[in-house]
């Protein structure tokens, strides 16, 4: 039970850092639409929508790839007392680390 709580806490912290990085990336890309007077959603809600959209795209791509390659995957796996679908968990994990990978690539390109 304690390991499940610790795992969930670690995942929540990583998720918060990922969302913060997505907010930072979106803020850098956006124009200041408030001067124009157009209403818009919050930056945090846009980051969450982006996270879910990215995870969904990765999930669909992986399902199609595994179906095409006829890879047998278990329907559910259990880890630290939690049951989840492995493809969905991998997709969500990749979507969480995606902004960090983008930042690393951006920094490595501008370093040289």
PDB file of N, CA and C in Angstrom:
ATOM      1  N   UNK A   1       0.815  -1.194   0.000  1.00  0.00           N
ATOM      2  CA  UNK A   1       0.000   0.000   0.000  1.00  0.00           C
ATOM      3  C   UNK A   1       0.859   1.258   0.000  1.00  0.00           C
ATOM      4  N   UNK A   2       1.909   1.265   0.818  1.00  0.00           N
ATOM      5  CA  UNK A   2       2.787   2.420   0.901  1.00  0.00           C
ATOM      6  C   UNK A   2       3.529   2.636  -0.419  1.00  0.00           C
ATOM      7  N   UNK A   3       3.913   1.528  -1.067  1.00  0.00           N
ATOM      8  CA  UNK A   3       4.608   1.671  -2.347  1.00  0.00           C
ATOM      9  C   UNK A   3       3.683   2.254  -3.409  1.00  0.00           C
ATOM     10  N   UNK A   4       2.391   1.945  -3.371  1.00  0.00           N
ATOM     11  CA  UNK A   4       1.431   2.527  -4.314  1.00  0.00           C
ATOM     12  C   UNK A   4       1.294   4.021  -4.094  1.00  0.00           C
ATOM     13  N   UNK A   5       1.253   4.431  -2.841  1.00  0.00           N
ATOM     14  CA  UNK A   5       1.130   5.852  -2.525  1.00  0.00           C
ATOM     15  C   UNK A   5       2.381   6.600  -2.967  1.00  0.00           C
ATOM     16  N   UNK A   6       3.542   6.026  -2.709  1.00  0.00           N
ATOM     17  CA  UNK A   6       4.797   6.660  -3.122  1.00  0.00           C
ATOM     18  C   UNK A   6       4.876   6.743  -4.638  1.00  0.00           C
ATOM     19  N   UNK A   7       4.486   5.673  -5.330  1.00  0.00           N
ATOM     20  CA  UNK A   7       4.491   5.675  -6.792  1.00  0.00           C
ATOM     21  C   UNK A   7       3.547   6.742  -7.345  1.00  0.00           C
ATOM     22  N   UNK A   8       2.355   6.832  -6.785  1.00  0.00           N
ATOM     23  CA  UNK A   8       1.403   7.853  -7.230  1.00  0.00           C
ATOM     24  C   UNK A   8       1.914   9.260  -6.952  1.00  0.00           C
ATOM     25  N   UNK A   9       2.574   9.456  -5.832  1.00  0.00           N
ATOM     26  CA  UNK A   9       3.135  10.762  -5.501  1.00  0.00           C
ATOM     27  C   UNK A   9       4.245  11.147  -6.474  1.00  0.00           C
ATOM     28  N   UNK A  10       5.107  10.210  -6.793  1.00  0.00           N
ATOM     29  CA  UNK A  10       6.179  10.472  -7.756  1.00  0.00           C
ATOM     30  C   UNK A  10       5.593  10.784  -9.124  1.00  0.00           C
ATOM     31  N   UNK A  11       4.597  10.008  -9.549  1.00  0.00           N
ATOM     32  CA  UNK A  11       3.956  10.263 -10.837  1.00  0.00           C
ATOM     33  C   UNK A  11       3.278  11.626 -10.862  1.00  0.00           C
ATOM     34  N   UNK A  12       2.651  12.027  -9.752  1.00  0.00           N
ATOM     35  CA  UNK A  12       2.002  13.337  -9.684  1.00  0.00           C
ATOM     36  C   UNK A  12       3.024  14.461  -9.786  1.00  0.00           C
ATOM     37  N   UNK A  13       4.163  14.297  -9.132  1.00  0.00           N
ATOM     38  CA  UNK A  13       5.211  15.321  -9.200  1.00  0.00           C
ATOM     39  C   UNK A  13       5.758  15.435 -10.619  1.00  0.00           C
ATOM     40  N   UNK A  14       6.009  14.304 -11.261  1.00  0.00           N
ATOM     41  CA  UNK A  14       6.496  14.328 -12.648  1.00  0.00           C
ATOM     42  C   UNK A  14       5.455  14.950 -13.562  1.00  0.00           C
ATOM     43  N   UNK A  15       4.184  14.635 -13.337  1.00  0.00           N
ATOM     44  CA  UNK A  15       3.107  15.206 -14.137  1.00  0.00           C
ATOM     45  C   UNK A  15       3.059  16.721 -13.971  1.00  0.00           C
ATOM     46  N   UNK A  16       3.207  17.202 -12.752  1.00  0.00           N
ATOM     47  CA  UNK A  16       3.201  18.650 -12.522  1.00  0.00           C
ATOM     48  C   UNK A  16       4.371  19.340 -13.224  1.00  0.00           C
ATOM     49  N   UNK A  17       5.557  18.737 -13.171  1.00  0.00           N
ATOM     50  CA  UNK A  17       6.695  19.311 -13.878  1.00  0.00           C
ATOM     51  C   UNK A  17       6.469  19.313 -15.387  1.00  0.00           C
ATOM     52  N   UNK A  18       5.860  18.236 -15.894  1.00  0.00           N
ATOM     53  CA  UNK A  18       5.568  18.167 -17.322  1.00  0.00           C
ATOM     54  C   UNK A  18       4.575  19.241 -17.738  1.00  0.00           C
ATOM     55  N   UNK A  19       3.526  19.417 -16.941  1.00  0.00           N
ATOM     56  CA  UNK A  19       2.544  20.456 -17.254  1.00  0.00           C
ATOM     57  C   UNK A  19       3.171  21.839 -17.176  1.00  0.00           C
ATOM     58  N   UNK A  20       4.037  22.063 -16.191  1.00  0.00           N
ATOM     59  CA  UNK A  20       4.722  23.354 -16.077  1.00  0.00           C
ATOM     60  C   UNK A  20       5.591  23.627 -17.307  1.00  0.00           C
ATOM     61  N   UNK A  21       6.262  22.596 -17.788  1.00  0.00           N
ATOM     62  CA  UNK A  21       7.097  22.752 -18.985  1.00  0.00           C
ATOM     63  C   UNK A  21       6.239  23.017 -20.211  1.00  0.00           C
ATOM     64  N   UNK A  22       5.084  22.354 -20.319  1.00  0.00           N
ATOM     65  CA  UNK A  22       4.178  22.614 -21.432  1.00  0.00           C
ATOM     66  C   UNK A  22       3.650  24.045 -21.380  1.00  0.00           C
ATOM     67  N   UNK A  23       3.345  24.532 -20.184  1.00  0.00           N
ATOM     68  CA  UNK A  23       2.888  25.919 -20.031  1.00  0.00           C
ATOM     69  C   UNK A  23       3.985  26.870 -20.482  1.00  0.00           C
ATOM     70  N   UNK A  24       5.215  26.598 -20.086  1.00  0.00           N
ATOM     71  CA  UNK A  24       6.338  27.453 -20.476  1.00  0.00           C
ATOM     72  C   UNK A  24       6.530  27.458 -21.997  1.00  0.00           C
ATOM     73  N   UNK A  25       6.460  26.284 -22.619  1.00  0.00           N
ATOM     74  CA  UNK A  25       6.627  26.199 -24.071  1.00  0.00           C
ATOM     75  C   UNK A  25       5.501  26.920 -24.802  1.00  0.00           C
ATOM     76  N   UNK A  26       4.267  26.753 -24.335  1.00  0.00           N
ATOM     77  CA  UNK A  26       3.132  27.407 -24.980  1.00  0.00           C
ATOM     78  C   UNK A  26       3.218  28.918 -24.800  1.00  0.00           C
ATOM     79  N   UNK A  27       3.651  29.348 -23.636  1.00  0.00           N
ATOM     80  CA  UNK A  27       3.757  30.779 -23.358  1.00  0.00           C
ATOM     81  C   UNK A  27       4.802  31.426 -24.275  1.00  0.00           C
ATOM     82  N   UNK A  28       5.869  30.686 -24.560  1.00  0.00           N
ATOM     83  CA  UNK A  28       6.907  31.215 -25.448  1.00  0.00           C
ATOM     84  C   UNK A  28       6.403  31.323 -26.884  1.00  0.00           C
ATOM     85  N   UNK A  29       5.502  30.455 -27.292  1.00  0.00           N
ATOM     86  CA  UNK A  29       5.031  30.416 -28.677  1.00  0.00           C
ATOM     87  C   UNK A  29       3.873  31.369 -28.961  1.00  0.00           C
ATOM     88  N   UNK A  30       3.138  31.739 -27.927  1.00  0.00           N
ATOM     89  CA  UNK A  30       1.907  32.500 -28.138  1.00  0.00           C
ATOM     90  C   UNK A  30       2.143  33.994 -28.254  1.00  0.00           C
ATOM     91  N   UNK A  31       1.265  34.604 -29.018  1.00  0.00           N
ATOM     92  CA  UNK A  31       1.212  36.060 -29.078  1.00  0.00           C
ATOM     93  C   UNK A  31       0.338  36.547 -27.938  1.00  0.00           C
ATOM     94  N   UNK A  32       0.375  37.804 -27.657  1.00  0.00           N
ATOM     95  CA  UNK A  32      -0.448  38.374 -26.597  1.00  0.00           C
ATOM     96  C   UNK A  32      -1.814  38.738 -27.173  1.00  0.00           C
ATOM     97  N   UNK A  33      -2.746  37.783 -27.136  1.00  0.00           N
ATOM     98  CA  UNK A  33      -4.075  37.988 -27.703  1.00  0.00           C
ATOM     99  C   UNK A  33      -4.958  38.845 -26.808  1.00  0.00           C
ATOM    100  N   UNK A  34      -4.555  39.045 -25.554  1.00  0.00           N
ATOM    101  CA  UNK A  34      -5.374  39.847 -24.650  1.00  0.00           C
ATOM    102  C   UNK A  34      -5.433  41.308 -25.098  1.00  0.00           C
ATOM    103  N   UNK A  35      -4.407  41.773 -25.769  1.00  0.00           N
ATOM    104  CA  UNK A  35      -4.425  43.143 -26.280  1.00  0.00           C
ATOM    105  C   UNK A  35      -5.485  43.306 -27.361  1.00  0.00           C
ATOM    106  N   UNK A  36      -5.759  42.233 -28.084  1.00  0.00           N
ATOM    107  CA  UNK A  36      -6.761  42.264 -29.139  1.00  0.00           C
ATOM    108  C   UNK A  36      -8.163  42.201 -28.527  1.00  0.00           C
ATOM    109  N   UNK A  37      -8.292  41.590 -27.362  1.00  0.00           N
ATOM    110  CA  UNK A  37      -9.577  41.512 -26.689  1.00  0.00           C
ATOM    111  C   UNK A  37     -10.289  40.196 -26.887  1.00  0.00           C
ATOM    112  N   UNK A  38      -9.635  39.224 -27.449  1.00  0.00           N
ATOM    113  CA  UNK A  38     -10.247  37.916 -27.675  1.00  0.00           C
ATOM    114  C   UNK A  38     -10.137  37.086 -26.401  1.00  0.00           C
ATOM    115  N   UNK A  39     -11.240  36.452 -25.997  1.00  0.00           N
ATOM    116  CA  UNK A  39     -11.186  35.608 -24.804  1.00  0.00           C
ATOM    117  C   UNK A  39     -10.554  34.270 -25.162  1.00  0.00           C
ATOM    118  N   UNK A  40      -9.908  33.657 -24.151  1.00  0.00           N
ATOM    119  CA  UNK A  40      -9.262  32.368 -24.390  1.00  0.00           C
ATOM    120  C   UNK A  40      -9.205  31.585 -23.089  1.00  0.00           C
ATOM    121  N   UNK A  41      -8.898  30.322 -23.206  1.00  0.00           N
ATOM    122  CA  UNK A  41      -8.786  29.458 -22.046  1.00  0.00           C
ATOM    123  C   UNK A  41      -7.463  29.727 -21.334  1.00  0.00           C
ATOM    124  N   UNK A  42      -7.336  29.190 -20.136  1.00  0.00           N
ATOM    125  CA  UNK A  42      -6.105  29.397 -19.376  1.00  0.00           C
ATOM    126  C   UNK A  42      -4.962  28.587 -19.976  1.00  0.00           C
ATOM    127  N   UNK A  43      -3.761  28.995 -19.648  1.00  0.00           N
ATOM    128  CA  UNK A  43      -2.580  28.313 -20.153  1.00  0.00           C
ATOM    129  C   UNK A  43      -2.493  26.897 -19.585  1.00  0.00           C
ATOM    130  N   UNK A  44      -2.894  26.725 -18.338  1.00  0.00           N
ATOM    131  CA  UNK A  44      -2.850  25.398 -17.717  1.00  0.00           C
ATOM    132  C   UNK A  44      -3.834  24.442 -18.393  1.00  0.00           C
ATOM    133  N   UNK A  45      -5.033  24.919 -18.714  1.00  0.00           N
ATOM    134  CA  UNK A  45      -6.000  24.043 -19.373  1.00  0.00           C
ATOM    135  C   UNK A  45      -5.513  23.673 -20.776  1.00  0.00           C
ATOM    136  N   UNK A  46      -4.861  24.605 -21.454  1.00  0.00           N
ATOM    137  CA  UNK A  46      -4.291  24.294 -22.767  1.00  0.00           C
ATOM    138  C   UNK A  46      -3.173  23.265 -22.651  1.00  0.00           C
ATOM    139  N   UNK A  47      -2.375  23.342 -21.573  1.00  0.00           N
ATOM    140  CA  UNK A  47      -1.309  22.366 -21.365  1.00  0.00           C
ATOM    141  C   UNK A  47      -1.882  20.979 -21.107  1.00  0.00           C
ATOM    142  N   UNK A  48      -2.963  20.906 -20.326  1.00  0.00           N
ATOM    143  CA  UNK A  48      -3.598  19.613 -20.058  1.00  0.00           C
ATOM    144  C   UNK A  48      -4.205  19.043 -21.330  1.00  0.00           C
ATOM    145  N   UNK A  49      -4.853  19.890 -22.115  1.00  0.00           N
ATOM    146  CA  UNK A  49      -5.417  19.446 -23.395  1.00  0.00           C
ATOM    147  C   UNK A  49      -4.309  18.943 -24.309  1.00  0.00           C
ATOM    148  N   UNK A  50      -3.184  19.641 -24.333  1.00  0.00           N
ATOM    149  CA  UNK A  50      -2.047  19.205 -25.147  1.00  0.00           C
ATOM    150  C   UNK A  50      -1.490  17.879 -24.683  1.00  0.00           C
ATOM    151  N   UNK A  51      -1.400  17.691 -23.366  1.00  0.00           N
ATOM    152  CA  UNK A  51      -0.902  16.435 -22.819  1.00  0.00           C
ATOM    153  C   UNK A  51      -1.805  15.277 -23.201  1.00  0.00           C
ATOM    154  N   UNK A  52      -3.107  15.442 -23.026  1.00  0.00           N
ATOM    155  CA  UNK A  52      -4.061  14.380 -23.358  1.00  0.00           C
ATOM    156  C   UNK A  52      -4.075  14.123 -24.872  1.00  0.00           C
ATOM    157  N   UNK A  53      -4.012  15.186 -25.651  1.00  0.00           N
ATOM    158  CA  UNK A  53      -3.992  15.025 -27.111  1.00  0.00           C
ATOM    159  C   UNK A  53      -2.754  14.296 -27.585  1.00  0.00           C
ATOM    160  N   UNK A  54      -1.605  14.641 -27.024  1.00  0.00           N
ATOM    161  CA  UNK A  54      -0.357  13.966 -27.394  1.00  0.00           C
ATOM    162  C   UNK A  54      -0.399  12.500 -26.990  1.00  0.00           C
ATOM    163  N   UNK A  55      -0.858  12.236 -25.767  1.00  0.00           N
ATOM    164  CA  UNK A  55      -0.959  10.847 -25.300  1.00  0.00           C
ATOM    165  C   UNK A  55      -1.925  10.052 -26.175  1.00  0.00           C
ATOM    166  N   UNK A  56      -3.034  10.669 -26.554  1.00  0.00           N
ATOM    167  CA  UNK A  56      -4.002   9.986 -27.423  1.00  0.00           C
ATOM    168  C   UNK A  56      -3.432   9.678 -28.795  1.00  0.00           C
ATOM    169  N   UNK A  57      -2.685  10.608 -29.355  1.00  0.00           N
ATOM    170  CA  UNK A  57      -2.058  10.374 -30.660  1.00  0.00           C
ATOM    171  C   UNK A  57      -1.027   9.260 -30.603  1.00  0.00           C
ATOM    172  N   UNK A  58      -0.220   9.263 -29.553  1.00  0.00           N
ATOM    173  CA  UNK A  58       0.768   8.204 -29.372  1.00  0.00           C
ATOM    174  C   UNK A  58       0.067   6.867 -29.181  1.00  0.00           C
ATOM    175  N   UNK A  59      -1.004   6.868 -28.380  1.00  0.00           N
ATOM    176  CA  UNK A  59      -1.759   5.636 -28.126  1.00  0.00           C
ATOM    177  C   UNK A  59      -2.305   5.054 -29.423  1.00  0.00           C
ATOM    178  N   UNK A  60      -2.958   5.885 -30.229  1.00  0.00           N
ATOM    179  CA  UNK A  60      -3.520   5.382 -31.492  1.00  0.00           C
ATOM    180  C   UNK A  60      -2.430   4.860 -32.415  1.00  0.00           C
ATOM    181  N   UNK A  61      -1.309   5.555 -32.492  1.00  0.00           N
ATOM    182  CA  UNK A  61      -0.201   5.102 -33.342  1.00  0.00           C
ATOM    183  C   UNK A  61       0.349   3.765 -32.864  1.00  0.00           C
ATOM    184  N   UNK A  62       0.488   3.614 -31.556  1.00  0.00           N
ATOM    185  CA  UNK A  62       1.019   2.355 -31.026  1.00  0.00           C
ATOM    186  C   UNK A  62       0.038   1.210 -31.224  1.00  0.00           C
ATOM    187  N   UNK A  63      -1.252   1.462 -31.051  1.00  0.00           N
ATOM    188  CA  UNK A  63      -2.253   0.413 -31.260  1.00  0.00           C
ATOM    189  C   UNK A  63      -2.232  -0.043 -32.720  1.00  0.00           C
ATOM    190  N   UNK A  64      -2.178   0.895 -33.634  1.00  0.00           N
ATOM    191  CA  UNK A  64      -2.134   0.546 -35.065  1.00  0.00           C
ATOM    192  C   UNK A  64      -0.854  -0.216 -35.387  1.00  0.00           C
ATOM    193  N   UNK A  65       0.292   0.242 -34.849  1.00  0.00           N
ATOM    194  CA  UNK A  65       1.564  -0.434 -35.101  1.00  0.00           C
ATOM    195  C   UNK A  65       1.551  -1.855 -34.542  1.00  0.00           C
ATOM    196  N   UNK A  66       1.111  -2.022 -33.291  1.00  0.00           N
ATOM    197  CA  UNK A  66       1.095  -3.354 -32.689  1.00  0.00           C
ATOM    198  C   UNK A  66       0.097  -4.271 -33.381  1.00  0.00           C
ATOM    199  N   UNK A  67      -1.014  -3.718 -33.844  1.00  0.00           N
ATOM    200  CA  UNK A  67      -1.982  -4.525 -34.578  1.00  0.00           C
ATOM    201  C   UNK A  67      -1.406  -4.950 -35.927  1.00  0.00           C
ATOM    202  N   UNK A  68      -0.721  -4.034 -36.601  1.00  0.00           N
ATOM    203  CA  UNK A  68      -0.114  -4.338 -37.894  1.00  0.00           C
ATOM    204  C   UNK A  68       0.975  -5.401 -37.748  1.00  0.00           C
ATOM    205  N   UNK A  69       1.780  -5.278 -36.701  1.00  0.00           N
ATOM    206  CA  UNK A  69       2.864  -6.240 -36.474  1.00  0.00           C
ATOM    207  C   UNK A  69       2.387  -7.502 -35.762  1.00  0.00           C
ATOM    208  N   UNK A  70       1.112  -7.531 -35.369  1.00  0.00           N
ATOM    209  CA  UNK A  70       0.506  -8.645 -34.659  1.00  0.00           C
ATOM    210  C   UNK A  70       1.267  -8.986 -33.379  1.00  0.00           C
ATOM    211  N   UNK A  71       1.590  -7.946 -32.626  1.00  0.00           N
ATOM    212  CA  UNK A  71       2.270  -8.118 -31.342  1.00  0.00           C
ATOM    213  C   UNK A  71       1.221  -8.418 -30.284  1.00  0.00           C
ATOM    214  N   UNK A  72       1.450  -9.460 -29.504  1.00  0.00           N
ATOM    215  CA  UNK A  72       0.530  -9.803 -28.423  1.00  0.00           C
ATOM    216  C   UNK A  72       0.915  -9.013 -27.178  1.00  0.00           C
ATOM    217  N   UNK A  73      -0.020  -8.191 -26.715  1.00  0.00           N
ATOM    218  CA  UNK A  73       0.185  -7.400 -25.501  1.00  0.00           C
ATOM    219  C   UNK A  73      -0.871  -7.820 -24.493  1.00  0.00           C
ATOM    220  N   UNK A  74      -0.506  -7.859 -23.222  1.00  0.00           N
ATOM    221  CA  UNK A  74      -1.530  -8.174 -22.210  1.00  0.00           C
ATOM    222  C   UNK A  74      -2.544  -7.033 -22.115  1.00  0.00           C
ATOM    223  N   UNK A  75      -3.792  -7.385 -21.810  1.00  0.00           N
ATOM    224  CA  UNK A  75      -4.839  -6.367 -21.677  1.00  0.00           C
ATOM    225  C   UNK A  75      -4.600  -5.476 -20.471  1.00  0.00           C
ATOM    226  N   UNK A  76      -4.158  -6.044 -19.393  1.00  0.00           N
ATOM    227  CA  UNK A  76      -3.909  -5.296 -18.152  1.00  0.00           C
ATOM    228  C   UNK A  76      -2.635  -5.829 -17.515  1.00  0.00           C
ATOM    229  N   UNK A  77      -1.911  -4.928 -16.882  1.00  0.00           N
ATOM    230  CA  UNK A  77      -0.785  -5.346 -16.060  1.00  0.00           C
ATOM    231  C   UNK A  77      -0.944  -4.702 -14.688  1.00  0.00           C
ATOM    232  N   UNK A  78      -0.369  -5.336 -13.696  1.00  0.00           N
ATOM    233  CA  UNK A  78      -0.472  -4.844 -12.331  1.00  0.00           C
ATOM    234  C   UNK A  78       0.920  -4.459 -11.853  1.00  0.00           C
ATOM    235  N   UNK A  79       1.010  -3.251 -11.283  1.00  0.00           N
ATOM    236  CA  UNK A  79       2.293  -2.768 -10.790  1.00  0.00           C
ATOM    237  C   UNK A  79       2.032  -1.938  -9.539  1.00  0.00           C
ATOM    238  N   UNK A  80       2.637  -2.311  -8.443  1.00  0.00           N
ATOM    239  CA  UNK A  80       2.492  -1.615  -7.162  1.00  0.00           C
ATOM    240  C   UNK A  80       1.027  -1.492  -6.754  1.00  0.00           C
ATOM    241  N   UNK A  81       0.252  -2.520  -7.033  1.00  0.00           N
ATOM    242  CA  UNK A  81      -1.152  -2.519  -6.635  1.00  0.00           C
ATOM    243  C   UNK A  81      -2.073  -1.774  -7.584  1.00  0.00           C
ATOM    244  N   UNK A  82      -1.559  -1.280  -8.699  1.00  0.00           N
ATOM    245  CA  UNK A  82      -2.367  -0.566  -9.685  1.00  0.00           C
ATOM    246  C   UNK A  82      -2.492  -1.405 -10.942  1.00  0.00           C
ATOM    247  N   UNK A  83      -3.697  -1.474 -11.506  1.00  0.00           N
ATOM    248  CA  UNK A  83      -3.933  -2.175 -12.765  1.00  0.00           C
ATOM    249  C   UNK A  83      -4.132  -1.154 -13.869  1.00  0.00           C
ATOM    250  N   UNK A  84      -3.446  -1.347 -14.994  1.00  0.00           N
ATOM    251  CA  UNK A  84      -3.611  -0.426 -16.106  1.00  0.00           C
ATOM    252  C   UNK A  84      -3.277  -1.106 -17.419  1.00  0.00           C
ATOM    253  N   UNK A  85      -3.703  -0.471 -18.497  1.00  0.00           N
ATOM    254  CA  UNK A  85      -3.411  -0.976 -19.833  1.00  0.00           C
ATOM    255  C   UNK A  85      -1.999  -0.545 -20.207  1.00  0.00           C
ATOM    256  N   UNK A  86      -1.148  -1.471 -20.640  1.00  0.00           N
ATOM    257  CA  UNK A  86       0.253  -1.115 -20.877  1.00  0.00           C
ATOM    258  C   UNK A  86       0.458  -0.091 -21.995  1.00  0.00           C
ATOM    259  N   UNK A  87      -0.289  -0.188 -23.080  1.00  0.00           N
ATOM    260  CA  UNK A  87      -0.098   0.761 -24.186  1.00  0.00           C
ATOM    261  C   UNK A  87      -0.512   2.161 -23.749  1.00  0.00           C
ATOM    262  N   UNK A  88      -1.588   2.271 -23.006  1.00  0.00           N
ATOM    263  CA  UNK A  88      -2.027   3.578 -22.520  1.00  0.00           C
ATOM    264  C   UNK A  88      -1.011   4.165 -21.551  1.00  0.00           C
ATOM    265  N   UNK A  89      -0.456   3.330 -20.669  1.00  0.00           N
ATOM    266  CA  UNK A  89       0.533   3.815 -19.709  1.00  0.00           C
ATOM    267  C   UNK A  89       1.806   4.284 -20.415  1.00  0.00           C
ATOM    268  N   UNK A  90       2.251   3.530 -21.408  1.00  0.00           N
ATOM    269  CA  UNK A  90       3.439   3.929 -22.170  1.00  0.00           C
ATOM    270  C   UNK A  90       3.171   5.229 -22.924  1.00  0.00           C
ATOM    271  N   UNK A  91       1.997   5.339 -23.521  1.00  0.00           N
ATOM    272  CA  UNK A  91       1.632   6.556 -24.259  1.00  0.00           C
ATOM    273  C   UNK A  91       1.614   7.768 -23.345  1.00  0.00           C
ATOM    274  N   UNK A  92       1.023   7.611 -22.177  1.00  0.00           N
ATOM    275  CA  UNK A  92       0.950   8.709 -21.221  1.00  0.00           C
ATOM    276  C   UNK A  92       2.344   9.089 -20.722  1.00  0.00           C
ATOM    277  N   UNK A  93       3.173   8.080 -20.456  1.00  0.00           N
ATOM    278  CA  UNK A  93       4.542   8.353 -20.002  1.00  0.00           C
ATOM    279  C   UNK A  93       5.337   9.098 -21.080  1.00  0.00           C
ATOM    280  N   UNK A  94       5.203   8.684 -22.336  1.00  0.00           N
ATOM    281  CA  UNK A  94       5.899   9.375 -23.428  1.00  0.00           C
ATOM    282  C   UNK A  94       5.397  10.807 -23.593  1.00  0.00           C
ATOM    283  N   UNK A  95       4.102  11.011 -23.427  1.00  0.00           N
ATOM    284  CA  UNK A  95       3.543  12.362 -23.524  1.00  0.00           C
ATOM    285  C   UNK A  95       4.034  13.241 -22.377  1.00  0.00           C
ATOM    286  N   UNK A  96       4.241  12.651 -21.215  1.00  0.00           N
ATOM    287  CA  UNK A  96       4.740  13.423 -20.073  1.00  0.00           C
ATOM    288  C   UNK A  96       6.185  13.862 -20.297  1.00  0.00           C
ATOM    289  N   UNK A  97       7.029  12.986 -20.837  1.00  0.00           N
ATOM    290  CA  UNK A  97       8.439  13.347 -21.016  1.00  0.00           C
ATOM    291  C   UNK A  97       8.700  14.116 -22.304  1.00  0.00           C
ATOM    292  N   UNK A  98       7.722  14.201 -23.193  1.00  0.00           N
ATOM    293  CA  UNK A  98       7.900  14.871 -24.484  1.00  0.00           C
ATOM    294  C   UNK A  98       8.380  16.322 -24.368  1.00  0.00           C
ATOM    295  N   UNK A  99       7.832  17.171 -23.478  1.00  0.00           N
ATOM    296  CA  UNK A  99       8.336  18.545 -23.408  1.00  0.00           C
ATOM    297  C   UNK A  99       9.779  18.628 -22.921  1.00  0.00           C
ATOM    298  N   UNK A 100      10.206  17.675 -22.095  1.00  0.00           N
ATOM    299  CA  UNK A 100      11.597  17.666 -21.638  1.00  0.00           C
ATOM    300  C   UNK A 100      12.534  17.289 -22.782  1.00  0.00           C
ATOM    301  N   UNK A 101      12.095  16.362 -23.622  1.00  0.00           N
ATOM    302  CA  UNK A 101      12.891  15.981 -24.792  1.00  0.00           C
ATOM    303  C   UNK A 101      12.994  17.160 -25.749  1.00  0.00           C
ATOM    304  N   UNK A 102      11.882  17.866 -25.959  1.00  0.00           N
ATOM    305  CA  UNK A 102      11.915  19.050 -26.826  1.00  0.00           C
ATOM    306  C   UNK A 102      12.869  20.116 -26.286  1.00  0.00           C
ATOM    307  N   UNK A 103      12.857  20.311 -24.987  1.00  0.00           N
ATOM    308  CA  UNK A 103      13.756  21.296 -24.379  1.00  0.00           C
ATOM    309  C   UNK A 103      15.210  20.880 -24.564  1.00  0.00           C
ATOM    310  N   UNK A 104      15.506  19.589 -24.361  1.00  0.00           N
ATOM    311  CA  UNK A 104      16.861  19.086 -24.543  1.00  0.00           C
ATOM    312  C   UNK A 104      17.325  19.274 -25.985  1.00  0.00           C
ATOM    313  N   UNK A 105      16.452  18.952 -26.941  1.00  0.00           N
ATOM    314  CA  UNK A 105      16.799  19.123 -28.354  1.00  0.00           C
ATOM    315  C   UNK A 105      17.025  20.600 -28.665  1.00  0.00           C
ATOM    316  N   UNK A 106      16.174  21.461 -28.139  1.00  0.00           N
ATOM    317  CA  UNK A 106      16.309  22.897 -28.365  1.00  0.00           C
ATOM    318  C   UNK A 106      17.632  23.411 -27.790  1.00  0.00           C
ATOM    319  N   UNK A 107      17.971  22.987 -26.577  1.00  0.00           N
ATOM    320  CA  UNK A 107      19.217  23.425 -25.964  1.00  0.00           C
ATOM    321  C   UNK A 107      20.442  22.887 -26.694  1.00  0.00           C
ATOM    322  N   UNK A 108      20.369  21.645 -27.158  1.00  0.00           N
ATOM    323  CA  UNK A 108      21.513  21.065 -27.857  1.00  0.00           C
ATOM    324  C   UNK A 108      21.724  21.707 -29.231  1.00  0.00           C
ATOM    325  N   UNK A 109      20.671  22.157 -29.871  1.00  0.00           N
ATOM    326  CA  UNK A 109      20.816  22.832 -31.172  1.00  0.00           C
ATOM    327  C   UNK A 109      21.421  24.221 -31.037  1.00  0.00           C
ATOM    328  N   UNK A 110      21.061  24.909 -29.966  1.00  0.00           N
ATOM    329  CA  UNK A 110      21.538  26.279 -29.792  1.00  0.00           C
ATOM    330  C   UNK A 110      22.863  26.357 -29.044  1.00  0.00           C
ATOM    331  N   UNK A 111      23.348  25.236 -28.601  1.00  0.00           N
ATOM    332  CA  UNK A 111      24.620  25.212 -27.892  1.00  0.00           C
ATOM    333  C   UNK A 111      25.798  25.342 -28.856  1.00  0.00           C
ATOM    334  N   UNK A 112      25.653  24.769 -30.049  1.00  0.00           N
ATOM    335  CA  UNK A 112      26.770  24.759 -30.994  1.00  0.00           C
ATOM    336  C   UNK A 112      26.533  25.699 -32.123  1.00  0.00           C
TER     337      UNK A 112
END
